[in-house]
Amino acid sequence: MARVFHMISREGDLLAAEVIAAQEAAGHETRVVDLTQVDPNGDYSVLLEEIFEADSVQVW
């Protein structure tokens, strides 16, 4: 099982939602961070941890 990390940078991206759903249905461990909902002045250390722990990082 692959660990896939998705960073969403646009609201309402249907392609991203479809790809994420397909990866989850295939049994991959998926993590998603919606950057449109994150405080720009926030702590990004968790984001960096997720990037380095993932087998694949996808930015939408």
PDB file of N, CA and C in Angstrom:
ATOM      1  N   MET A   1       0.847  -1.172   0.000  1.00  0.00           N
ATOM      2  CA  MET A   1       0.000   0.000   0.000  1.00  0.00           C
ATOM      3  C   MET A   1       0.893   1.236   0.000  1.00  0.00           C
ATOM      4  N   ALA A   2       0.648   2.132  -0.919  1.00  0.00           N
ATOM      5  CA  ALA A   2       1.406   3.381  -1.019  1.00  0.00           C
ATOM      6  C   ALA A   2       0.783   4.442  -0.125  1.00  0.00           C
ATOM      7  N   ARG A   3       1.632   5.293   0.370  1.00  0.00           N
ATOM      8  CA  ARG A   3       1.159   6.435   1.154  1.00  0.00           C
ATOM      9  C   ARG A   3       1.228   7.658   0.256  1.00  0.00           C
ATOM     10  N   VAL A   4       0.074   8.238  -0.031  1.00  0.00           N
ATOM     11  CA  VAL A   4      -0.028   9.352  -0.975  1.00  0.00           C
ATOM     12  C   VAL A   4      -0.488  10.600  -0.220  1.00  0.00           C
ATOM     13  N   PHE A   5       0.216  11.691  -0.457  1.00  0.00           N
ATOM     14  CA  PHE A   5      -0.111  12.958   0.196  1.00  0.00           C
ATOM     15  C   PHE A   5      -0.558  13.950  -0.868  1.00  0.00           C
ATOM     16  N   HIS A   6      -1.729  14.523  -0.683  1.00  0.00           N
ATOM     17  CA  HIS A   6      -2.301  15.495  -1.620  1.00  0.00           C
ATOM     18  C   HIS A   6      -2.366  16.860  -0.959  1.00  0.00           C
ATOM     19  N   MET A   7      -1.912  17.884  -1.695  1.00  0.00           N
ATOM     20  CA  MET A   7      -2.056  19.266  -1.253  1.00  0.00           C
ATOM     21  C   MET A   7      -3.000  19.950  -2.234  1.00  0.00           C
ATOM     22  N   ILE A   8      -4.136  20.385  -1.726  1.00  0.00           N
ATOM     23  CA  ILE A   8      -5.151  21.041  -2.545  1.00  0.00           C
ATOM     24  C   ILE A   8      -4.909  22.545  -2.480  1.00  0.00           C
ATOM     25  N   SER A   9      -4.748  23.184  -3.648  1.00  0.00           N
ATOM     26  CA  SER A   9      -4.497  24.627  -3.669  1.00  0.00           C
ATOM     27  C   SER A   9      -5.625  25.411  -4.348  1.00  0.00           C
ATOM     28  N   ARG A  10      -6.627  24.685  -4.876  1.00  0.00           N
ATOM     29  CA  ARG A  10      -7.775  25.346  -5.517  1.00  0.00           C
ATOM     30  C   ARG A  10      -9.060  24.749  -4.947  1.00  0.00           C
ATOM     31  N   GLU A  11     -10.009  25.576  -4.688  1.00  0.00           N
ATOM     32  CA  GLU A  11     -11.301  25.102  -4.181  1.00  0.00           C
ATOM     33  C   GLU A  11     -12.082  24.420  -5.290  1.00  0.00           C
ATOM     34  N   GLY A  12     -12.773  23.344  -4.954  1.00  0.00           N
ATOM     35  CA  GLY A  12     -13.683  22.686  -5.876  1.00  0.00           C
ATOM     36  C   GLY A  12     -13.010  21.981  -7.041  1.00  0.00           C
ATOM     37  N   ASP A  13     -11.805  21.471  -6.867  1.00  0.00           N
ATOM     38  CA  ASP A  13     -11.095  20.782  -7.944  1.00  0.00           C
ATOM     39  C   ASP A  13     -11.646  19.359  -8.081  1.00  0.00           C
ATOM     40  N   LEU A  14     -12.479  19.142  -9.085  1.00  0.00           N
ATOM     41  CA  LEU A  14     -13.135  17.846  -9.265  1.00  0.00           C
ATOM     42  C   LEU A  14     -12.155  16.750  -9.653  1.00  0.00           C
ATOM     43  N   LEU A  15     -11.156  17.070 -10.467  1.00  0.00           N
ATOM     44  CA  LEU A  15     -10.168  16.070 -10.856  1.00  0.00           C
ATOM     45  C   LEU A  15      -9.417  15.552  -9.635  1.00  0.00           C
ATOM     46  N   ALA A  16      -9.011  16.448  -8.768  1.00  0.00           N
ATOM     47  CA  ALA A  16      -8.313  16.047  -7.551  1.00  0.00           C
ATOM     48  C   ALA A  16      -9.195  15.135  -6.704  1.00  0.00           C
ATOM     49  N   ALA A  17     -10.449  15.496  -6.541  1.00  0.00           N
ATOM     50  CA  ALA A  17     -11.379  14.685  -5.748  1.00  0.00           C
ATOM     51  C   ALA A  17     -11.548  13.292  -6.341  1.00  0.00           C
ATOM     52  N   GLU A  18     -11.625  13.207  -7.668  1.00  0.00           N
ATOM     53  CA  GLU A  18     -11.781  11.906  -8.329  1.00  0.00           C
ATOM     54  C   GLU A  18     -10.533  11.043  -8.164  1.00  0.00           C
ATOM     55  N   VAL A  19      -9.364  11.643  -8.306  1.00  0.00           N
ATOM     56  CA  VAL A  19      -8.112  10.894  -8.158  1.00  0.00           C
ATOM     57  C   VAL A  19      -7.957  10.407  -6.724  1.00  0.00           C
ATOM     58  N   ILE A  20      -8.241  11.260  -5.764  1.00  0.00           N
ATOM     59  CA  ILE A  20      -8.140  10.880  -4.353  1.00  0.00           C
ATOM     60  C   ILE A  20      -9.095   9.731  -4.043  1.00  0.00           C
ATOM     61  N   ALA A  21     -10.326   9.827  -4.512  1.00  0.00           N
ATOM     62  CA  ALA A  21     -11.309   8.762  -4.281  1.00  0.00           C
ATOM     63  C   ALA A  21     -10.859   7.443  -4.907  1.00  0.00           C
ATOM     64  N   ALA A  22     -10.294   7.498  -6.101  1.00  0.00           N
ATOM     65  CA  ALA A  22      -9.821   6.282  -6.773  1.00  0.00           C
ATOM     66  C   ALA A  22      -8.645   5.667  -6.017  1.00  0.00           C
ATOM     67  N   GLN A  23      -7.747   6.490  -5.508  1.00  0.00           N
ATOM     68  CA  GLN A  23      -6.610   5.972  -4.749  1.00  0.00           C
ATOM     69  C   GLN A  23      -7.063   5.348  -3.440  1.00  0.00           C
ATOM     70  N   GLU A  24      -8.028   5.966  -2.782  1.00  0.00           N
ATOM     71  CA  GLU A  24      -8.567   5.393  -1.548  1.00  0.00           C
ATOM     72  C   GLU A  24      -9.264   4.072  -1.825  1.00  0.00           C
ATOM     73  N   ALA A  25     -10.022   3.994  -2.926  1.00  0.00           N
ATOM     74  CA  ALA A  25     -10.721   2.763  -3.280  1.00  0.00           C
ATOM     75  C   ALA A  25      -9.739   1.645  -3.610  1.00  0.00           C
ATOM     76  N   ALA A  26      -8.557   2.007  -4.111  1.00  0.00           N
ATOM     77  CA  ALA A  26      -7.530   1.021  -4.437  1.00  0.00           C
ATOM     78  C   ALA A  26      -6.764   0.559  -3.199  1.00  0.00           C
ATOM     79  N   GLY A  27      -7.059   1.156  -2.053  1.00  0.00           N
ATOM     80  CA  GLY A  27      -6.448   0.736  -0.806  1.00  0.00           C
ATOM     81  C   GLY A  27      -5.214   1.520  -0.397  1.00  0.00           C
ATOM     82  N   HIS A  28      -4.906   2.594  -1.103  1.00  0.00           N
ATOM     83  CA  HIS A  28      -3.757   3.414  -0.735  1.00  0.00           C
ATOM     84  C   HIS A  28      -4.084   4.259   0.490  1.00  0.00           C
ATOM     85  N   GLU A  29      -3.076   4.487   1.306  1.00  0.00           N
ATOM     86  CA  GLU A  29      -3.234   5.391   2.442  1.00  0.00           C
ATOM     87  C   GLU A  29      -3.108   6.809   1.910  1.00  0.00           C
ATOM     88  N   THR A  30      -4.157   7.583   1.985  1.00  0.00           N
ATOM     89  CA  THR A  30      -4.137   8.943   1.443  1.00  0.00           C
ATOM     90  C   THR A  30      -4.283   9.957   2.561  1.00  0.00           C
ATOM     91  N   ARG A  31      -3.515  11.009   2.452  1.00  0.00           N
ATOM     92  CA  ARG A  31      -3.609  12.158   3.354  1.00  0.00           C
ATOM     93  C   ARG A  31      -3.874  13.372   2.491  1.00  0.00           C
ATOM     94  N   VAL A  32      -4.742  14.247   2.947  1.00  0.00           N
ATOM     95  CA  VAL A  32      -5.109  15.427   2.167  1.00  0.00           C
ATOM     96  C   VAL A  32      -5.033  16.663   3.061  1.00  0.00           C
ATOM     97  N   VAL A  33      -4.375  17.701   2.545  1.00  0.00           N
ATOM     98  CA  VAL A  33      -4.359  19.003   3.211  1.00  0.00           C
ATOM     99  C   VAL A  33      -4.901  20.020   2.222  1.00  0.00           C
ATOM    100  N   ASP A  34      -5.936  20.712   2.623  1.00  0.00           N
ATOM    101  CA  ASP A  34      -6.536  21.752   1.789  1.00  0.00           C
ATOM    102  C   ASP A  34      -5.881  23.076   2.159  1.00  0.00           C
ATOM    103  N   LEU A  35      -4.970  23.535   1.313  1.00  0.00           N
ATOM    104  CA  LEU A  35      -4.241  24.766   1.598  1.00  0.00           C
ATOM    105  C   LEU A  35      -5.116  26.001   1.526  1.00  0.00           C
ATOM    106  N   THR A  36      -6.302  25.901   0.944  1.00  0.00           N
ATOM    107  CA  THR A  36      -7.209  27.046   0.905  1.00  0.00           C
ATOM    108  C   THR A  36      -7.852  27.279   2.274  1.00  0.00           C
ATOM    109  N   GLN A  37      -7.735  26.292   3.167  1.00  0.00           N
ATOM    110  CA  GLN A  37      -8.343  26.389   4.494  1.00  0.00           C
ATOM    111  C   GLN A  37      -7.304  26.593   5.596  1.00  0.00           C
ATOM    112  N   VAL A  38      -6.040  26.767   5.220  1.00  0.00           N
ATOM    113  CA  VAL A  38      -4.952  26.870   6.196  1.00  0.00           C
ATOM    114  C   VAL A  38      -4.570  28.329   6.393  1.00  0.00           C
ATOM    115  N   ASP A  39      -4.285  28.692   7.635  1.00  0.00           N
ATOM    116  CA  ASP A  39      -3.839  30.045   7.952  1.00  0.00           C
ATOM    117  C   ASP A  39      -2.446  30.265   7.356  1.00  0.00           C
ATOM    118  N   PRO A  40      -2.269  31.282   6.509  1.00  0.00           N
ATOM    119  CA  PRO A  40      -0.963  31.522   5.887  1.00  0.00           C
ATOM    120  C   PRO A  40       0.163  31.763   6.896  1.00  0.00           C
ATOM    121  N   ASN A  41      -0.189  32.192   8.090  1.00  0.00           N
ATOM    122  CA  ASN A  41       0.816  32.438   9.125  1.00  0.00           C
ATOM    123  C   ASN A  41       0.953  31.264  10.085  1.00  0.00           C
ATOM    124  N   GLY A  42       0.369  30.126   9.716  1.00  0.00           N
ATOM    125  CA  GLY A  42       0.369  28.968  10.606  1.00  0.00           C
ATOM    126  C   GLY A  42       1.685  28.210  10.618  1.00  0.00           C
ATOM    127  N   ASP A  43       1.698  27.138  11.395  1.00  0.00           N
ATOM    128  CA  ASP A  43       2.865  26.269  11.541  1.00  0.00           C
ATOM    129  C   ASP A  43       2.821  25.205  10.455  1.00  0.00           C
ATOM    130  N   TYR A  44       3.825  25.194   9.607  1.00  0.00           N
ATOM    131  CA  TYR A  44       3.860  24.262   8.490  1.00  0.00           C
ATOM    132  C   TYR A  44       4.728  23.024   8.770  1.00  0.00           C
ATOM    133  N   SER A  45       5.149  22.823  10.008  1.00  0.00           N
ATOM    134  CA  SER A  45       5.998  21.675  10.316  1.00  0.00           C
ATOM    135  C   SER A  45       5.265  20.355  10.077  1.00  0.00           C
ATOM    136  N   VAL A  46       3.975  20.298  10.351  1.00  0.00           N
ATOM    137  CA  VAL A  46       3.202  19.083  10.101  1.00  0.00           C
ATOM    138  C   VAL A  46       3.129  18.811   8.602  1.00  0.00           C
ATOM    139  N   LEU A  47       2.970  19.855   7.810  1.00  0.00           N
ATOM    140  CA  LEU A  47       2.942  19.725   6.366  1.00  0.00           C
ATOM    141  C   LEU A  47       4.259  19.140   5.857  1.00  0.00           C
ATOM    142  N   LEU A  48       5.368  19.615   6.358  1.00  0.00           N
ATOM    143  CA  LEU A  48       6.673  19.089   5.946  1.00  0.00           C
ATOM    144  C   LEU A  48       6.843  17.629   6.346  1.00  0.00           C
ATOM    145  N   GLU A  49       6.393  17.267   7.524  1.00  0.00           N
ATOM    146  CA  GLU A  49       6.468  15.869   7.959  1.00  0.00           C
ATOM    147  C   GLU A  49       5.685  14.964   7.011  1.00  0.00           C
ATOM    148  N   GLU A  50       4.491  15.391   6.638  1.00  0.00           N
ATOM    149  CA  GLU A  50       3.671  14.591   5.720  1.00  0.00           C
ATOM    150  C   GLU A  50       4.355  14.433   4.359  1.00  0.00           C
ATOM    151  N   ILE A  51       4.978  15.495   3.874  1.00  0.00           N
ATOM    152  CA  ILE A  51       5.664  15.431   2.584  1.00  0.00           C
ATOM    153  C   ILE A  51       6.786  14.401   2.635  1.00  0.00           C
ATOM    154  N   PHE A  52       7.606  14.434   3.671  1.00  0.00           N
ATOM    155  CA  PHE A  52       8.756  13.533   3.743  1.00  0.00           C
ATOM    156  C   PHE A  52       8.375  12.098   4.080  1.00  0.00           C
ATOM    157  N   GLU A  53       7.218  11.870   4.673  1.00  0.00           N
ATOM    158  CA  GLU A  53       6.779  10.514   4.998  1.00  0.00           C
ATOM    159  C   GLU A  53       6.028   9.848   3.856  1.00  0.00           C
ATOM    160  N   ALA A  54       5.595  10.614   2.866  1.00  0.00           N
ATOM    161  CA  ALA A  54       4.782  10.076   1.769  1.00  0.00           C
ATOM    162  C   ALA A  54       5.646   9.403   0.707  1.00  0.00           C
ATOM    163  N   ASP A  55       5.056   8.400   0.056  1.00  0.00           N
ATOM    164  CA  ASP A  55       5.697   7.779  -1.101  1.00  0.00           C
ATOM    165  C   ASP A  55       5.487   8.630  -2.345  1.00  0.00           C
ATOM    166  N   SER A  56       4.404   9.394  -2.364  1.00  0.00           N
ATOM    167  CA  SER A  56       4.068  10.245  -3.501  1.00  0.00           C
ATOM    168  C   SER A  56       3.396  11.510  -2.979  1.00  0.00           C
ATOM    169  N   VAL A  57       3.772  12.659  -3.551  1.00  0.00           N
ATOM    170  CA  VAL A  57       3.169  13.938  -3.187  1.00  0.00           C
ATOM    171  C   VAL A  57       2.541  14.517  -4.447  1.00  0.00           C
ATOM    172  N   GLN A  58       1.275  14.878  -4.341  1.00  0.00           N
ATOM    173  CA  GLN A  58       0.560  15.435  -5.481  1.00  0.00           C
ATOM    174  C   GLN A  58      -0.027  16.782  -5.084  1.00  0.00           C
ATOM    175  N   VAL A  59       0.235  17.791  -5.907  1.00  0.00           N
ATOM    176  CA  VAL A  59      -0.258  19.139  -5.636  1.00  0.00           C
ATOM    177  C   VAL A  59      -1.272  19.487  -6.698  1.00  0.00           C
ATOM    178  N   TRP A  60      -2.430  19.932  -6.260  1.00  0.00           N
ATOM    179  CA  TRP A  60      -3.535  20.277  -7.166  1.00  0.00           C
ATOM    180  C   TRP A  60      -3.815  21.745  -7.091  1.00  0.00           C
TER     181      TRP A  60
END
